[in-house]
Amino acid sequence: MVTVRVLFCVFCAGLGYWGWGFNGGVVGHEEQEITSLPRNEGTGEERRRQGAYAVVRAAQKEIGVQEIGQNTGPRVDQYGAFVGIKRLPWCAAFVSWVFREAGYAAPRTAWSPSLFPAKRKVKAAGRGMVMGLYYPSLGRIGHCGIVMGLRGDFCVTVEGNTGATGQREGQGVWRKTRHKRTIHCYADWL
């Protein structure tokens, strides 16, 4: 009986490894590499979907990047250099860098509130959008990340400069699951 269980586990692991049924737990997410984005082809909705996929994919590739010291490290310094900062909180720099990696010229900022101008704000979350958390102690948006997907009342995000408990100044890039009620606003840069 133990042999049958072991073989079944190996079989199931093989299915997950080759992509037959496992999707990282995110609704509508597929693990496929995008090699090019034909932004000038297809409908506006198709271009938007491709753009969102590229943003999410670029963000996912960074999961696990960690600081070495306070707000510094080889990759963290690249995020900061893209927006002209060094050794400062870098969640907005991360978001800006991800959009650049996905082929977008904007946003490009180190200050999280500037990711949410009125013309970019939207009411509902969507893949590839930017989410912002409001901190009453600051009186403003104090942390941001990229929406990877939705699970009912929850947003699955990728965030830079966060930690295991979800604090705004953490030590790395992590995938987070946040209830929609905890998110103050969303911005559409696609």
Protein backbone atom coordinates (compact mmCIF):
# COMPACT_ATOMS: atom_id res chain seq x y z
CA MET A 1 0.00 0.00 0.00
CA VAL A 2 2.86 2.39 0.83
CA THR A 3 4.38 1.70 -2.60
CA VAL A 4 1.11 2.63 -4.31
CA ARG A 5 0.93 5.90 -2.33
CA VAL A 6 4.52 6.80 -3.18
CA LEU A 7 3.97 6.07 -6.88
CA PHE A 8 0.76 8.10 -6.85
CA CYS A 9 2.60 11.06 -5.25
CA VAL A 10 5.38 10.85 -7.84
CA PHE A 11 2.77 10.72 -10.62
CA CYS A 12 0.91 13.76 -9.24
CA ALA A 13 4.15 15.70 -8.80
CA GLY A 14 5.01 14.92 -12.41
CA LEU A 15 1.67 16.30 -13.56
CA GLY A 16 2.34 19.52 -11.66
CA TYR A 17 5.88 19.77 -12.99
CA TRP A 18 4.78 19.53 -16.61
CA GLY A 19 1.94 21.98 -16.13
CA TRP A 20 -1.03 19.62 -16.25
CA GLY A 21 -3.41 21.17 -13.79
CA PHE A 22 -1.36 23.28 -11.41
CA ASN A 23 -1.31 27.04 -11.87
CA GLY A 24 0.40 28.39 -8.79
CA GLY A 25 -2.93 28.86 -7.05
CA VAL A 26 -3.92 31.95 -9.01
CA VAL A 27 -7.13 31.98 -10.97
CA GLY A 28 -6.45 32.41 -14.68
CA HIS A 29 -2.67 32.25 -14.34
CA GLU A 30 -0.57 30.16 -16.68
CA GLU A 31 3.17 29.66 -16.38
CA GLN A 32 4.30 30.45 -19.91
CA GLU A 33 7.20 32.62 -20.95
CA ILE A 34 6.36 35.64 -23.06
CA THR A 35 9.07 36.28 -25.60
CA SER A 36 7.46 39.23 -27.37
CA LEU A 37 4.38 41.36 -27.07
CA PRO A 38 2.71 42.37 -30.32
CA ARG A 39 1.24 45.57 -28.81
CA ASN A 40 0.30 46.86 -32.25
CA GLU A 41 -1.65 43.75 -33.19
CA GLY A 42 -5.12 42.61 -32.18
CA THR A 43 -7.89 44.44 -30.43
CA GLY A 44 -7.38 46.93 -27.64
CA GLU A 45 -8.59 44.32 -25.17
CA GLU A 46 -6.08 41.77 -26.49
CA ARG A 47 -3.22 44.26 -26.18
CA ARG A 48 -4.37 45.07 -22.66
CA ARG A 49 -4.47 41.38 -21.70
CA GLN A 50 -0.97 40.86 -23.11
CA GLY A 51 0.30 43.92 -21.26
CA ALA A 52 -1.19 42.74 -17.97
CA TYR A 53 0.35 39.32 -18.48
CA ALA A 54 3.76 40.86 -19.16
CA VAL A 55 3.59 43.05 -16.04
CA VAL A 56 2.56 40.12 -13.82
CA ARG A 57 5.22 37.88 -15.34
CA ALA A 58 7.96 40.48 -14.80
CA ALA A 59 6.86 40.91 -11.18
CA GLN A 60 6.73 37.16 -10.55
CA LYS A 61 10.29 36.71 -11.75
CA GLU A 62 11.43 38.99 -8.92
CA ILE A 63 9.76 37.06 -6.08
CA GLY A 64 12.44 36.13 -3.56
CA VAL A 65 14.76 39.09 -4.20
CA GLN A 66 15.98 40.29 -0.82
CA GLU A 67 17.82 43.25 0.63
CA ILE A 68 21.37 42.92 1.84
CA GLY A 69 21.45 45.65 4.46
CA GLN A 70 18.81 48.39 4.80
CA ASN A 71 17.09 49.17 1.47
CA THR A 72 20.06 47.94 -0.53
CA GLY A 73 21.29 44.87 -2.38
CA PRO A 74 22.32 44.13 -5.98
CA ARG A 75 18.80 43.85 -7.41
CA VAL A 76 17.20 46.35 -5.00
CA ASP A 77 19.80 48.90 -6.12
CA GLN A 78 18.69 48.33 -9.74
CA TYR A 79 15.09 49.14 -8.82
CA GLY A 80 16.24 52.32 -7.08
CA ALA A 81 18.61 53.37 -9.87
CA PHE A 82 15.74 53.22 -12.36
CA VAL A 83 13.98 56.03 -10.47
CA GLY A 84 17.06 57.80 -9.07
CA ILE A 85 17.10 56.70 -5.43
CA LYS A 86 19.59 54.92 -3.17
CA ARG A 87 18.95 53.25 0.18
CA LEU A 88 15.38 54.54 0.49
CA PRO A 89 12.04 52.70 0.69
CA TRP A 90 11.62 51.09 -2.72
CA CYS A 91 8.11 49.67 -3.20
CA ALA A 92 7.22 52.30 -5.84
CA ALA A 93 10.63 51.92 -7.49
CA PHE A 94 9.93 48.19 -7.78
CA VAL A 95 6.53 48.81 -9.40
CA SER A 96 8.08 51.29 -11.85
CA TRP A 97 10.93 48.91 -12.71
CA VAL A 98 8.47 46.04 -13.34
CA PHE A 99 6.46 48.16 -15.78
CA ARG A 100 9.66 49.07 -17.61
CA GLU A 101 10.59 45.39 -17.85
CA ALA A 102 7.15 44.75 -19.36
CA GLY A 103 7.77 47.39 -22.04
CA TYR A 104 6.06 50.46 -20.55
CA ALA A 105 7.62 53.93 -20.27
CA ALA A 106 5.45 54.87 -17.28
CA PRO A 107 5.11 54.90 -14.36
CA ARG A 108 8.54 56.01 -13.24
CA THR A 109 8.55 57.17 -9.64
CA ALA A 110 9.97 56.41 -6.21
CA TRP A 111 7.01 57.91 -4.34
CA SER A 112 4.02 55.60 -3.94
CA PRO A 113 1.30 58.33 -3.85
CA SER A 114 2.29 59.50 -7.33
CA LEU A 115 1.28 56.10 -8.73
CA PHE A 116 -2.37 57.03 -8.13
CA PRO A 117 -3.26 60.18 -10.10
CA ALA A 118 -6.99 60.70 -10.59
CA LYS A 119 -6.86 59.82 -14.31
CA ARG A 120 -5.31 56.40 -13.51
CA LYS A 121 -7.49 55.41 -10.55
CA VAL A 122 -10.04 52.65 -11.07
CA LYS A 123 -12.67 51.18 -8.75
CA ALA A 124 -12.02 47.48 -9.27
CA ALA A 125 -8.81 45.47 -9.24
CA GLY A 126 -7.51 43.74 -12.33
CA ARG A 127 -4.41 41.81 -13.34
CA GLY A 128 -1.39 44.01 -13.85
CA MET A 129 -2.85 46.97 -11.99
CA VAL A 130 -1.13 48.81 -9.15
CA MET A 131 -2.65 48.60 -5.67
CA GLY A 132 -2.09 51.10 -2.88
CA LEU A 133 -2.32 50.79 0.90
CA TYR A 134 -3.26 53.86 2.92
CA TYR A 135 -1.53 54.57 6.23
CA PRO A 136 -3.41 56.94 8.56
CA SER A 137 -0.16 57.71 10.41
CA LEU A 138 1.25 59.07 7.14
CA GLY A 139 -2.01 60.55 5.85
CA ARG A 140 -1.32 59.06 2.42
CA ILE A 141 -0.64 55.94 0.38
CA GLY A 142 2.41 54.43 2.01
CA HIS A 143 2.89 51.15 0.16
CA CYS A 144 2.11 49.72 -3.26
CA GLY A 145 2.35 46.54 -5.27
CA ILE A 146 1.14 44.82 -8.43
CA VAL A 147 -2.10 42.84 -8.62
CA MET A 148 -1.32 39.36 -9.86
CA GLY A 149 -4.81 37.95 -9.68
CA LEU A 150 -8.06 37.78 -7.76
CA ARG A 151 -9.47 35.06 -5.50
CA GLY A 152 -12.97 35.99 -4.40
CA ASP A 153 -12.63 38.90 -1.97
CA PHE A 154 -8.84 38.71 -2.02
CA CYS A 155 -6.13 40.19 -4.23
CA VAL A 156 -2.96 38.22 -4.83
CA THR A 157 -0.15 40.73 -5.23
CA VAL A 158 3.59 40.96 -5.79
CA GLU A 159 5.14 43.65 -3.63
CA GLY A 160 8.63 45.02 -3.19
CA ASN A 161 10.03 46.22 0.15
CA THR A 162 7.63 44.09 2.16
CA GLY A 163 8.00 41.27 4.64
CA ALA A 164 6.32 38.14 5.90
CA THR A 165 3.86 40.08 8.07
CA GLY A 166 2.99 42.54 5.30
CA GLN A 167 4.71 45.59 6.74
CA ARG A 168 5.38 48.51 4.40
CA GLU A 169 9.13 48.45 4.95
CA GLY A 170 10.26 44.87 4.70
CA GLN A 171 13.26 43.17 3.23
CA GLY A 172 12.25 41.71 -0.11
CA VAL A 173 9.88 40.99 -2.99
CA TRP A 174 7.09 38.65 -1.96
CA ARG A 175 3.73 37.36 -3.11
CA LYS A 176 0.97 38.54 -0.78
CA THR A 177 -2.72 37.81 -0.41
CA ARG A 178 -4.66 40.83 0.84
CA HIS A 179 -8.37 41.29 1.43
CA LYS A 180 -9.83 43.87 -0.95
CA ARG A 181 -11.06 45.92 2.02
CA THR A 182 -7.45 46.51 3.12
CA ILE A 183 -6.53 48.03 -0.24
CA HIS A 184 -7.25 51.75 -0.50
CA CYS A 185 -7.15 52.16 -4.28
CA TYR A 186 -6.04 50.77 -7.63
CA ALA A 187 -4.37 52.42 -10.61
CA ASP A 188 -4.41 51.27 -14.22
CA TRP A 189 -1.12 51.98 -16.02
CA LEU A 190 -1.72 49.43 -18.81
